[in-house]
C-alpha atoms as a PDB file:
ATOM      1  CA  MET A   1     114.721   8.717  97.212  1.00  0.00           C
ATOM      2  CA  SER A   2     111.455   9.335  98.176  1.00  0.00           C
ATOM      3  CA  ALA A   3     109.742  10.524 101.936  1.00  0.00           C
ATOM      4  CA  ASP A   4     106.876   7.629 101.204  1.00  0.00           C
ATOM      5  CA  ASN A   5     107.199   4.656 102.404  1.00  0.00           C
ATOM      6  CA  GLN A   6     107.670   2.065  99.289  1.00  0.00           C
ATOM      7  CA  GLY A   7     108.291  -1.796  99.643  1.00  0.00           C
ATOM      8  CA  VAL A   8     111.848  -2.870  99.863  1.00  0.00           C
ATOM      9  CA  THR A   9     112.519  -6.381  98.870  1.00  0.00           C
ATOM     10  CA  ALA A  10     114.244  -8.979 100.752  1.00  0.00           C
ATOM     11  CA  ALA A  11     116.999  -9.109  98.149  1.00  0.00           C
ATOM     12  CA  GLU A  12     117.225  -5.360  98.494  1.00  0.00           C
ATOM     13  CA  ARG A  13     117.695  -5.426 101.982  1.00  0.00           C
ATOM     14  CA  SER A  14     120.217  -8.512 101.661  1.00  0.00           C
ATOM     15  CA  TRP A  15     122.022  -6.305  99.408  1.00  0.00           C
ATOM     16  CA  ALA A  16     121.590  -3.303 101.822  1.00  0.00           C
ATOM     17  CA  VAL A  17     123.639  -5.523 104.248  1.00  0.00           C
ATOM     18  CA  ASP A  18     126.569  -6.456 102.175  1.00  0.00           C
ATOM     19  CA  PHE A  19     126.570  -2.813 101.426  1.00  0.00           C
ATOM     20  CA  SER A  20     126.256  -1.568 104.919  1.00  0.00           C
ATOM     21  CA  ALA A  21     129.071  -3.585 105.741  1.00  0.00           C
ATOM     22  CA  ARG A  22     131.218  -1.388 103.350  1.00  0.00           C
ATOM     23  CA  ILE A  23     130.155   1.716 104.437  1.00  0.00           C
ATOM     24  CA  HIS A  24     131.067   0.368 107.868  1.00  0.00           C
ATOM     25  CA  ASN A  25     134.782  -0.613 106.810  1.00  0.00           C
ATOM     26  CA  LYS A  26     134.916   2.828 105.148  1.00  0.00           C
ATOM     27  CA  HIS A  27     133.595   5.161 108.185  1.00  0.00           C
ATOM     28  CA  ALA A  28     133.192   3.221 110.804  1.00  0.00           C
ATOM     29  CA  ALA A  29     134.987   5.943 113.327  1.00  0.00           C
ATOM     30  CA  GLU A  30     132.589   8.663 111.972  1.00  0.00           C
ATOM     31  CA  LEU A  31     129.746   6.240 112.162  1.00  0.00           C
ATOM     32  CA  ASN A  32     130.958   5.126 115.772  1.00  0.00           C
ATOM     33  CA  GLU A  33     131.130   8.160 116.986  1.00  0.00           C
ATOM     34  CA  LEU A  34     127.989   9.434 115.747  1.00  0.00           C
ATOM     35  CA  ARG A  35     125.844   6.876 117.114  1.00  0.00           C
ATOM     36  CA  THR A  36     127.775   7.440 120.202  1.00  0.00           C
ATOM     37  CA  ALA A  37     126.806  10.976 120.488  1.00  0.00           C
ATOM     38  CA  MET A  38     123.113  10.164 120.130  1.00  0.00           C
ATOM     39  CA  THR A  39     122.877   7.593 122.237  1.00  0.00           C
ATOM     40  CA  GLU A  40     124.450   8.907 125.290  1.00  0.00           C
ATOM     41  CA  ALA A  41     123.258  10.379 128.336  1.00  0.00           C
ATOM     42  CA  PRO A  42     123.413  14.045 128.708  1.00  0.00           C
ATOM     43  CA  ARG A  43     126.199  14.633 130.754  1.00  0.00           C
ATOM     44  CA  ARG A  44     126.459  17.092 133.911  1.00  0.00           C
ATOM     45  CA  GLY A  45     126.727  20.780 133.761  1.00  0.00           C
ATOM     46  CA  GLU A  46     125.317  20.180 129.224  1.00  0.00           C
ATOM     47  CA  PRO A  47     122.428  21.880 128.941  1.00  0.00           C
ATOM     48  CA  ARG A  48     119.788  19.521 128.161  1.00  0.00           C
ATOM     49  CA  HIS A  49     118.584  21.967 125.477  1.00  0.00           C
ATOM     50  CA  LEU A  50     114.397  20.639 126.875  1.00  0.00           C
ATOM     51  CA  GLY A  51     115.479  17.055 126.184  1.00  0.00           C
ATOM     52  CA  ARG A  52     116.538  17.442 122.889  1.00  0.00           C
ATOM     53  CA  ARG A  53     120.526  17.181 120.833  1.00  0.00           C
ATOM     54  CA  GLN A  54     120.877  17.017 117.704  1.00  0.00           C
ATOM     55  CA  HIS A  55     124.500  15.298 115.585  1.00  0.00           C
ATOM     56  CA  ARG A  56     125.960  15.643 111.692  1.00  0.00           C
ATOM     57  CA  LEU A  57     127.798  13.580 109.813  1.00  0.00           C
ATOM     58  CA  GLY A  58     128.828  14.664 106.366  1.00  0.00           C
ATOM     59  CA  PRO A  59     128.968  15.689 103.986  1.00  0.00           C
ATOM     60  CA  LEU A  60     130.511  12.226 102.972  1.00  0.00           C
ATOM     61  CA  GLN A  61     130.490  10.590  99.420  1.00  0.00           C
ATOM     62  CA  SER A  62     127.726   8.688  98.158  1.00  0.00           C
ATOM     63  CA  PHE A  63     128.513   4.811  97.447  1.00  0.00           C
ATOM     64  CA  GLU A  64     126.450   5.051  94.350  1.00  0.00           C
ATOM     65  CA  ASP A  65     127.119   8.198  92.695  1.00  0.00           C
ATOM     66  CA  ALA A  66     130.740   9.598  93.091  1.00  0.00           C
ATOM     67  CA  SER A  67     128.903  13.364  92.263  1.00  0.00           C
ATOM     68  CA  VAL A  68     126.534  12.945  95.047  1.00  0.00           C
ATOM     69  CA  GLN A  69     127.578  13.741  98.782  1.00  0.00           C
ATOM     70  CA  LEU A  70     125.094  12.893 101.858  1.00  0.00           C
ATOM     71  CA  THR A  71     124.916  14.441 105.008  1.00  0.00           C
ATOM     72  CA  MET A  72     123.201  12.475 108.200  1.00  0.00           C
ATOM     73  CA  VAL A  73     121.440  14.470 111.191  1.00  0.00           C
ATOM     74  CA  ALA A  74     120.643  12.653 114.011  1.00  0.00           C
ATOM     75  CA  GLU A  75     118.328  13.866 116.778  1.00  0.00           C
ATOM     76  CA  SER A  76     117.542  12.329 119.945  1.00  0.00           C
ATOM     77  CA  VAL A  77     114.498  14.019 121.890  1.00  0.00           C
ATOM     78  CA  GLU A  78     112.542  12.236 125.141  1.00  0.00           C
ATOM     79  CA  LEU A  79     109.850  10.387 124.044  1.00  0.00           C
ATOM     80  CA  GLY A  80     107.668  12.811 125.669  1.00  0.00           C
ATOM     81  CA  TRP A  81     107.620  14.954 122.857  1.00  0.00           C
ATOM     82  CA  PHE A  82     105.309  12.481 121.157  1.00  0.00           C
ATOM     83  CA  THR A  83     102.340  11.507 123.273  1.00  0.00           C
ATOM     84  CA  VAL A  84      99.354  13.971 124.033  1.00  0.00           C
ATOM     85  CA  GLY A  85      99.256  12.309 127.820  1.00  0.00           C
ATOM     86  CA  PRO A  86     101.950  10.598 129.947  1.00  0.00           C
ATOM     87  CA  ALA A  87     105.082   9.344 128.168  1.00  0.00           C
ATOM     88  CA  PRO A  88     106.826   6.201 129.287  1.00  0.00           C
ATOM     89  CA  ALA A  89     110.743   7.171 129.691  1.00  0.00           C
ATOM     90  CA  GLY A  90     113.002   6.975 127.364  1.00  0.00           C
ATOM     91  CA  MET A  91     113.898   8.692 123.656  1.00  0.00           C
ATOM     92  CA  CYS A  92     113.388   8.923 120.407  1.00  0.00           C
ATOM     93  CA  LEU A  93     116.195   8.754 117.546  1.00  0.00           C
ATOM     94  CA  THR A  94     115.798  10.253 114.053  1.00  0.00           C
ATOM     95  CA  VAL A  95     118.287   9.896 111.513  1.00  0.00           C
ATOM     96  CA  SER A  96     117.474  12.422 108.256  1.00  0.00           C
ATOM     97  CA  ILE A  97     119.979  11.058 105.191  1.00  0.00           C
ATOM     98  CA  ALA A  98     119.860  14.291 102.513  1.00  0.00           C
ATOM     99  CA  ALA A  99     122.200  13.919  99.359  1.00  0.00           C
ATOM    100  CA  HIS A 100     123.500  16.882  96.938  1.00  0.00           C
ATOM    101  CA  GLN A 101     125.098  16.999  94.157  1.00  0.00           C
ATOM    102  CA  LYS A 102     128.897  17.403  94.824  1.00  0.00           C
ATOM    103  CA  ASP A 103     129.665  19.990  92.764  1.00  0.00           C
ATOM    104  CA  THR A 104     126.522  22.422  92.603  1.00  0.00           C
ATOM    105  CA  GLY A 105     125.432  22.150  96.095  1.00  0.00           C
ATOM    106  CA  ILE A 106     121.594  21.038  94.355  1.00  0.00           C
ATOM    107  CA  GLN A 107     119.613  18.956  96.372  1.00  0.00           C
ATOM    108  CA  THR A 108     119.758  15.364  94.716  1.00  0.00           C
ATOM    109  CA  SER A 109     117.956  11.860  96.248  1.00  0.00           C
ATOM    110  CA  LEU A 110     119.491   8.421  97.141  1.00  0.00           C
ATOM    111  CA  PRO A 111     117.808   5.119  96.301  1.00  0.00           C
ATOM    112  CA  LEU A 112     116.028   3.607  99.681  1.00  0.00           C
ATOM    113  CA  THR A 113     118.303   1.147  99.195  1.00  0.00           C
ATOM    114  CA  GLU A 114     121.598   2.911  99.943  1.00  0.00           C
ATOM    115  CA  CYS A 115     119.604   5.438 102.464  1.00  0.00           C
ATOM    116  CA  ASP A 116     118.923   1.768 104.113  1.00  0.00           C
ATOM    117  CA  ALA A 117     122.108   0.328 104.483  1.00  0.00           C
ATOM    118  CA  TRP A 118     123.420   3.901 106.262  1.00  0.00           C
ATOM    119  CA  LEU A 119     121.169   3.306 108.435  1.00  0.00           C
ATOM    120  CA  GLN A 120     122.616  -0.411 109.077  1.00  0.00           C
ATOM    121  CA  ALA A 121     126.042   1.073 108.811  1.00  0.00           C
ATOM    122  CA  LEU A 122     125.501   3.034 111.606  1.00  0.00           C
ATOM    123  CA  LEU A 123     123.393   1.406 113.856  1.00  0.00           C
ATOM    124  CA  GLY A 124     124.147  -2.454 113.652  1.00  0.00           C
ATOM    125  CA  GLY A 125     122.198  -5.301 112.964  1.00  0.00           C
ATOM    126  CA  GLN A 126     120.282  -5.921 116.037  1.00  0.00           C
ATOM    127  CA  TRP A 127     119.429  -2.255 116.456  1.00  0.00           C
ATOM    128  CA  MET A 128     117.910  -2.197 112.574  1.00  0.00           C
ATOM    129  CA  LEU A 129     115.162  -5.331 113.650  1.00  0.00           C
ATOM    130  CA  HIS A 130     113.828  -1.572 115.682  1.00  0.00           C
ATOM    131  CA  ALA A 131     113.548   1.115 113.033  1.00  0.00           C
ATOM    132  CA  TYR A 132     110.749   2.647 111.562  1.00  0.00           C
ATOM    133  CA  ARG A 133     111.059   4.897 108.269  1.00  0.00           C
ATOM    134  CA  CYS A 134     109.019   7.685 108.439  1.00  0.00           C
ATOM    135  CA  GLY A 135     107.154   9.282 105.810  1.00  0.00           C
ATOM    136  CA  CYS A 136     105.936  12.110 107.966  1.00  0.00           C
ATOM    137  CA  ALA A 137     108.419  14.974 106.620  1.00  0.00           C
ATOM    138  CA  THR A 138     106.682  17.886 104.341  1.00  0.00           C
ATOM    139  CA  GLY A 139     107.304  20.382 101.544  1.00  0.00           C
ATOM    140  CA  ALA A 140     109.857  20.683  98.792  1.00  0.00           C
ATOM    141  CA  ALA A 141     112.823  20.854 101.378  1.00  0.00           C
ATOM    142  CA  SER A 142     111.825  17.796 102.730  1.00  0.00           C
ATOM    143  CA  GLU A 143     111.355  16.055  99.676  1.00  0.00           C
ATOM    144  CA  ASN A 144     114.414  14.404  99.312  1.00  0.00           C
ATOM    145  CA  VAL A 145     115.661  13.540 102.680  1.00  0.00           C
ATOM    146  CA  VAL A 146     114.464   9.917 104.100  1.00  0.00           C
ATOM    147  CA  SER A 147     114.074   9.998 108.127  1.00  0.00           C
ATOM    148  CA  TYR A 148     114.282   6.900 110.206  1.00  0.00           C
ATOM    149  CA  ARG A 149     113.132   6.537 113.877  1.00  0.00           C
ATOM    150  CA  LEU A 150     114.520   4.322 116.564  1.00  0.00           C
ATOM    151  CA  TYR A 151     112.897   4.089 120.218  1.00  0.00           C
ATOM    152  CA  LEU A 152     115.011   3.853 123.359  1.00  0.00           C
ATOM    153  CA  ASP A 153     114.096   2.862 126.661  1.00  0.00           C
ATOM    154  CA  ALA A 154     115.200   4.470 129.752  1.00  0.00           C
ATOM    155  CA  ALA A 155     118.372   1.979 129.494  1.00  0.00           C
ATOM    156  CA  ARG A 156     118.901   3.183 126.188  1.00  0.00           C
ATOM    157  CA  LYS A 157     118.001   0.031 124.841  1.00  0.00           C
ATOM    158  CA  PRO A 158     116.149  -0.346 121.065  1.00  0.00           C
ATOM    159  CA  ILE A 159     112.217  -1.267 121.854  1.00  0.00           C
ATOM    160  CA  ARG A 160     108.883  -0.889 119.453  1.00  0.00           C
ATOM    161  CA  LYS A 161     107.697   2.150 119.187  1.00  0.00           C
ATOM    162  CA  PRO A 162     105.477   2.566 122.425  1.00  0.00           C
ATOM    163  CA  GLU A 163     101.780   3.330 122.318  1.00  0.00           C
ATOM    164  CA  GLU A 164     101.698   6.543 123.628  1.00  0.00           C
ATOM    165  CA  VAL A 165     103.810   7.961 121.013  1.00  0.00           C
ATOM    166  CA  LEU A 166     101.924   9.353 117.994  1.00  0.00           C
ATOM    167  CA  ALA A 167     104.294   8.461 114.993  1.00  0.00           C
ATOM    168  CA  ASP A 168     101.117   7.296 112.079  1.00  0.00           C
ATOM    169  CA  ALA A 169     103.516   7.916 109.372  1.00  0.00           C
ATOM    170  CA  CYS A 170     106.529   5.633 110.611  1.00  0.00           C
ATOM    171  CA  LEU A 171     106.769   1.871 109.356  1.00  0.00           C
ATOM    172  CA  PRO A 172     108.888  -0.867 110.879  1.00  0.00           C
ATOM    173  CA  LEU A 173     111.809  -1.416 108.369  1.00  0.00           C
ATOM    174  CA  GLN A 174     111.460  -5.399 108.914  1.00  0.00           C
ATOM    175  CA  PRO A 175     108.810  -7.169 108.161  1.00  0.00           C
END
């Protein structure tokens, strides 16, 4: 797994869709709970944390390597965090996937195809059309973390990255 935006071929993407179905079949309840939590509007009385919320899923066993576990962290942030001037209404979802050795806890990597499959299982097909892989993480701690972004409008529907949002290192997953 690499934080850069290596290309994934059409065959790998197709394999990831099949792979994501297996992931979804095994973890549907947990994935649905995470998707709901990260896309719902803040409840009345809930602290807004300045427009930022974070949710976590895992550790879960890798489908590619039984000795590896992964954790998904989803953060929702108002679009204004990413703009210099006025921001459109909506939010940005960042989903990061990190892996570690089951026995030692040492950070390790996962193939991009498996990471893409986990994201596909979380988001579903139509939302994947709007997903971006980010190469914006830096430092040793983020070396083996793959991050994705999804931009939602005020009605919580996926949209293309707004022009006002500064995120040059995020490239669309779909060609």
